[in-house]
Amino acid sequence: MEELILQLKQEIIKVLNLEDVKPEDIADDAPLFGEGLGLDSIDALELIVLMEKMYGIKLQDPAQGREIFKSIRVMAEYIHANRSK
């Protein structure tokens, strides 16, 4: 799980062009939106695409993303339980 968390952090930094952020700057349980990493709705779409491309996970309901993208750890747990690749 720790390896998946690190991989997710690296992919999020790359996909969202977070140039000044390093994986160790992102706390596993920090919120991705709002006060935590400060992502917005455009970033959420990028995360949905990332999950589909990297892990073969399609979100059927956009509201699902709100729960899944709470933190890196929650996202990693969801991917671990649902990935098809």
Foldseek 3Di string as FASTA:
>chain_A
DVVLLQVVLVVLCVQVVVPVDHSVNFDQQAFCDDPGVNDDPVSLVSVQVCCCVPFVDHDPDSVVSVQCRRGSNSVSVVSVVDGDD
